[in-house]
C-alpha atoms as a PDB file:
ATOM      1  CA  UNK A   1       0.000   0.000   0.000  1.00  0.00           C
ATOM      2  CA  UNK A   2       2.762   2.458   0.973  1.00  0.00           C
ATOM      3  CA  UNK A   3       5.377   2.893  -1.777  1.00  0.00           C
ATOM      4  CA  UNK A   4       8.633   1.060  -1.238  1.00  0.00           C
ATOM      5  CA  UNK A   5      11.303   3.266   0.317  1.00  0.00           C
ATOM      6  CA  UNK A   6       8.787   5.334   2.309  1.00  0.00           C
ATOM      7  CA  UNK A   7       9.349   3.776   5.705  1.00  0.00           C
ATOM      8  CA  UNK A   8       7.948   4.518   8.208  1.00  0.00           C
ATOM      9  CA  UNK A   9       4.823   6.060   6.764  1.00  0.00           C
ATOM     10  CA  UNK A  10       4.729   8.649   9.566  1.00  0.00           C
ATOM     11  CA  UNK A  11       7.646  10.296  11.310  1.00  0.00           C
ATOM     12  CA  UNK A  12       7.661  12.774  14.200  1.00  0.00           C
ATOM     13  CA  UNK A  13      10.450  15.342  14.473  1.00  0.00           C
ATOM     14  CA  UNK A  14      11.331  16.959  17.795  1.00  0.00           C
ATOM     15  CA  UNK A  15      13.743  19.597  19.012  1.00  0.00           C
ATOM     16  CA  UNK A  16      16.885  18.136  20.582  1.00  0.00           C
ATOM     17  CA  UNK A  17      15.948  20.089  23.713  1.00  0.00           C
ATOM     18  CA  UNK A  18      12.634  18.212  23.997  1.00  0.00           C
ATOM     19  CA  UNK A  19      13.799  15.448  26.326  1.00  0.00           C
ATOM     20  CA  UNK A  20      12.902  15.672  29.984  1.00  0.00           C
ATOM     21  CA  UNK A  21      15.572  15.373  32.669  1.00  0.00           C
ATOM     22  CA  UNK A  22      16.499  11.779  33.389  1.00  0.00           C
ATOM     23  CA  UNK A  23      17.225  10.300  36.764  1.00  0.00           C
ATOM     24  CA  UNK A  24      20.435   8.318  36.809  1.00  0.00           C
ATOM     25  CA  UNK A  25      20.688   5.055  38.691  1.00  0.00           C
ATOM     26  CA  UNK A  26      24.439   5.286  39.209  1.00  0.00           C
ATOM     27  CA  UNK A  27      26.457   7.237  41.710  1.00  0.00           C
ATOM     28  CA  UNK A  28      27.148  10.928  41.213  1.00  0.00           C
ATOM     29  CA  UNK A  29      25.583  13.427  38.868  1.00  0.00           C
ATOM     30  CA  UNK A  30      26.245  14.435  35.304  1.00  0.00           C
ATOM     31  CA  UNK A  31      25.310  18.129  35.284  1.00  0.00           C
ATOM     32  CA  UNK A  32      26.539  18.805  31.746  1.00  0.00           C
ATOM     33  CA  UNK A  33      23.986  16.387  30.332  1.00  0.00           C
ATOM     34  CA  UNK A  34      21.145  18.622  31.525  1.00  0.00           C
ATOM     35  CA  UNK A  35      22.110  21.634  29.384  1.00  0.00           C
ATOM     36  CA  UNK A  36      19.772  20.760  26.507  1.00  0.00           C
ATOM     37  CA  UNK A  37      16.979  19.157  28.537  1.00  0.00           C
ATOM     38  CA  UNK A  38      14.416  21.963  28.563  1.00  0.00           C
ATOM     39  CA  UNK A  39      11.285  19.959  27.649  1.00  0.00           C
ATOM     40  CA  UNK A  40      10.957  22.094  24.500  1.00  0.00           C
ATOM     41  CA  UNK A  41       7.480  21.850  22.927  1.00  0.00           C
ATOM     42  CA  UNK A  42       8.739  22.166  19.296  1.00  0.00           C
ATOM     43  CA  UNK A  43       7.597  19.137  17.284  1.00  0.00           C
ATOM     44  CA  UNK A  44       5.826  18.192  14.099  1.00  0.00           C
ATOM     45  CA  UNK A  45       4.813  15.044  12.259  1.00  0.00           C
ATOM     46  CA  UNK A  46       5.088  14.231   8.559  1.00  0.00           C
ATOM     47  CA  UNK A  47       2.764  11.588   7.164  1.00  0.00           C
ATOM     48  CA  UNK A  48       2.603   9.824   3.819  1.00  0.00           C
ATOM     49  CA  UNK A  49      -0.815  10.318   2.200  1.00  0.00           C
ATOM     50  CA  UNK A  50      -1.349   7.146   0.193  1.00  0.00           C
ATOM     51  CA  UNK A  51      -4.325   8.389  -1.846  1.00  0.00           C
ATOM     52  CA  UNK A  52      -2.618  11.651  -2.923  1.00  0.00           C
ATOM     53  CA  UNK A  53       0.880  10.140  -3.114  1.00  0.00           C
ATOM     54  CA  UNK A  54       2.394  13.066  -1.152  1.00  0.00           C
ATOM     55  CA  UNK A  55       3.918  13.840   2.228  1.00  0.00           C
ATOM     56  CA  UNK A  56       1.749  15.990   4.505  1.00  0.00           C
ATOM     57  CA  UNK A  57       2.633  18.012   7.577  1.00  0.00           C
ATOM     58  CA  UNK A  58       0.557  17.023  10.618  1.00  0.00           C
ATOM     59  CA  UNK A  59       0.338  18.270  14.201  1.00  0.00           C
ATOM     60  CA  UNK A  60       2.921  21.036  14.271  1.00  0.00           C
ATOM     61  CA  UNK A  61       4.047  23.109  17.254  1.00  0.00           C
ATOM     62  CA  UNK A  62       6.788  25.383  15.971  1.00  0.00           C
ATOM     63  CA  UNK A  63       7.567  27.343  19.160  1.00  0.00           C
ATOM     64  CA  UNK A  64      10.788  26.799  21.124  1.00  0.00           C
ATOM     65  CA  UNK A  65      11.225  27.574  24.838  1.00  0.00           C
ATOM     66  CA  UNK A  66      14.946  28.365  24.506  1.00  0.00           C
ATOM     67  CA  UNK A  67      17.154  30.595  22.340  1.00  0.00           C
ATOM     68  CA  UNK A  68      17.541  29.453  18.733  1.00  0.00           C
ATOM     69  CA  UNK A  69      20.509  31.112  17.058  1.00  0.00           C
ATOM     70  CA  UNK A  70      23.828  30.264  15.459  1.00  0.00           C
ATOM     71  CA  UNK A  71      25.542  31.650  18.558  1.00  0.00           C
ATOM     72  CA  UNK A  72      23.587  29.295  20.852  1.00  0.00           C
ATOM     73  CA  UNK A  73      24.255  26.356  18.497  1.00  0.00           C
ATOM     74  CA  UNK A  74      28.007  27.040  18.556  1.00  0.00           C
ATOM     75  CA  UNK A  75      28.028  26.333  22.310  1.00  0.00           C
ATOM     76  CA  UNK A  76      26.857  22.729  21.859  1.00  0.00           C
ATOM     77  CA  UNK A  77      29.548  20.019  21.944  1.00  0.00           C
ATOM     78  CA  UNK A  78      28.261  18.552  18.664  1.00  0.00           C
ATOM     79  CA  UNK A  79      29.007  21.774  16.800  1.00  0.00           C
ATOM     80  CA  UNK A  80      32.516  22.087  18.221  1.00  0.00           C
ATOM     81  CA  UNK A  81      33.875  19.114  16.329  1.00  0.00           C
ATOM     82  CA  UNK A  82      36.593  19.288  13.695  1.00  0.00           C
ATOM     83  CA  UNK A  83      34.998  19.222  10.261  1.00  0.00           C
ATOM     84  CA  UNK A  84      38.153  19.581   8.195  1.00  0.00           C
ATOM     85  CA  UNK A  85      40.356  16.654   7.177  1.00  0.00           C
ATOM     86  CA  UNK A  86      43.334  19.010   6.835  1.00  0.00           C
ATOM     87  CA  UNK A  87      42.933  20.340  10.390  1.00  0.00           C
ATOM     88  CA  UNK A  88      42.510  16.787  11.727  1.00  0.00           C
ATOM     89  CA  UNK A  89      45.715  15.597  10.032  1.00  0.00           C
ATOM     90  CA  UNK A  90      47.674  18.620  11.262  1.00  0.00           C
ATOM     91  CA  UNK A  91      46.491  18.129  14.856  1.00  0.00           C
ATOM     92  CA  UNK A  92      47.398  14.433  14.696  1.00  0.00           C
ATOM     93  CA  UNK A  93      50.833  15.455  13.413  1.00  0.00           C
ATOM     94  CA  UNK A  94      51.283  17.940  16.257  1.00  0.00           C
ATOM     95  CA  UNK A  95      50.323  15.264  18.782  1.00  0.00           C
ATOM     96  CA  UNK A  96      52.750  12.780  17.182  1.00  0.00           C
ATOM     97  CA  UNK A  97      55.718  15.128  17.645  1.00  0.00           C
ATOM     98  CA  UNK A  98      54.725  16.000  21.218  1.00  0.00           C
ATOM     99  CA  UNK A  99      53.449  19.547  20.665  1.00  0.00           C
ATOM    100  CA  UNK A 100      52.167  21.359  23.731  1.00  0.00           C
ATOM    101  CA  UNK A 101      48.420  21.098  24.132  1.00  0.00           C
ATOM    102  CA  UNK A 102      48.153  24.873  24.507  1.00  0.00           C
ATOM    103  CA  UNK A 103      49.676  25.327  21.025  1.00  0.00           C
ATOM    104  CA  UNK A 104      47.264  22.765  19.564  1.00  0.00           C
ATOM    105  CA  UNK A 105      44.377  24.564  21.266  1.00  0.00           C
ATOM    106  CA  UNK A 106      45.534  27.908  19.817  1.00  0.00           C
ATOM    107  CA  UNK A 107      45.753  26.318  16.352  1.00  0.00           C
ATOM    108  CA  UNK A 108      42.203  24.961  16.671  1.00  0.00           C
ATOM    109  CA  UNK A 109      40.896  28.364  17.741  1.00  0.00           C
ATOM    110  CA  UNK A 110      42.489  29.963  14.673  1.00  0.00           C
ATOM    111  CA  UNK A 111      40.812  27.395  12.390  1.00  0.00           C
ATOM    112  CA  UNK A 112      37.411  27.214  14.118  1.00  0.00           C
ATOM    113  CA  UNK A 113      34.607  26.998  11.528  1.00  0.00           C
ATOM    114  CA  UNK A 114      31.910  27.807  14.104  1.00  0.00           C
ATOM    115  CA  UNK A 115      32.969  31.358  14.931  1.00  0.00           C
END
């Protein structure tokens, strides 16, 4: 009934801040893991309409309860990764010859794509 390759026939998208705070069973706390847990209401669903052969937007709440900006995004660990093969190779080379970590850090700051 649903065309091949359209799986699942409905998908819900949420903001990465949507998750509620978890309680950990282990010892100690992990305060940095709570940064993005704001129970954000932003979400929407996309559903495959079989009779019309199109995707349709369903049940959308497009409001966030936190700042949404490139500056806010740059603070997330995910966005602070190295996205350049050249920079990665150079850093690996610096580590191989025993370069001081402060010099490597300065190099990374100079080549930061998220600034």
